[in-house]
Amino acid sequence: MKKKCLQAAGVVLFLGFVLGLGWVIGKNTQSSIPVMGDSLQGNSSGQASEEAEEPPAPSENYYWDDLDVLEPEFEVNAELDDHMSVRLLGALERPADGEAPELGAYYNVNSTLIGIDPGHLGYTGEKYKNVGAVSVFDTPEYEWSLQVGHALQEELNQRGYDVYMVRTTNVQKEYPYNNGHRALAMNSMECDLAVSIHWDSFSDGDVNGWHAIYKGDKESDNYLLAKAVSDAYEEALDGDIRKYSNPRSRDDLWLLNLLEMPSMLLECGYSSNEKDAAWLEDEENHSVIAKAIADGIDHYFAMKETEE
């Protein structure tokens, strides 16, 4: 009998040891989950959301550790083009005088802040480099859009505007931004307006022209901005590239849907059309594009002042 009691006690002790060890391992495993700031997987309070899908953990796909300016206080729920849900956490703080954020460029901190998005290069959910359309001369859209973006940045700085560039290089690992991250950055920087620079493409090389895109109706500031830039662009090009259409309203573009300031996207021409592409890729015309967009921005603010 005594022997059986000792055996039973041994079993109890062994089970207690196993359960205790499992608790310790579980706790350590939970505490070692990679996080961004205080909480990557949950909301800003650090509690996991039961309704939304968990965002991807930090990995080589996002390089969260390199984005020191991201903080967990800001949260955006967005929907990818392929209808996969993603949650973006983090906020860019507007810098003090004389300082620049780690991502993008920022100057003359006391005036109006313009957000510039040189299209493409961002993380697509499958690979880093979303090159956009490639022209008939084999130039990828992301390279061309950055060249025009720099020209626009310089033009706006000369006119006294602050400028925030979503990206300033074509080094893909420095900018793992999909369009949701780009909107997040410009919203968090509290840009006064935003312009996204692109070129178009089509399977039929005879299709040509340019057009502006906005979200909303013709009573919106988005339309007012798109119309002002469109008019200035048409005048500057003087028929070198035809106007494909008047500003078009679309509600299916993730970037424009998430931006919280007046915004527009300019398709500057068709890179699949030889005539359009030749004009767009001429470096002298980059300043023509930049000045036209800047003229449109000037006109937009002039109209807003008149309204007030």
Foldseek 3Di string as FASTA:
>chain_A
DVVVVVVVVVVVVVVVVVVVVVVVVVVVVVVPQAAQALHQQPALVNDHDPPDDGADGDDLLQPSVVQVQFHQNDKDWFAALVRDTHIDGGFGAQDDPPDAHPFFGWDLPPAAEEEEELDFQAARVPDRGPQPDAFPVRRTSSVLSLLLVVLLCVVVVVVPYIYGYRHNDNPRSSHNDDLVVSLRHCVRNVHQEYEYETAAEDPDQVDKAKEKEAADDCVDLLVLLRQLLVVLLCVLCVVLTHHPDYYYHDDSDRNRVRHPHRYMYIHQMYSSHPSSVVQSPPSVCSNSSSVSSVRSVVVSVVVVVVVD
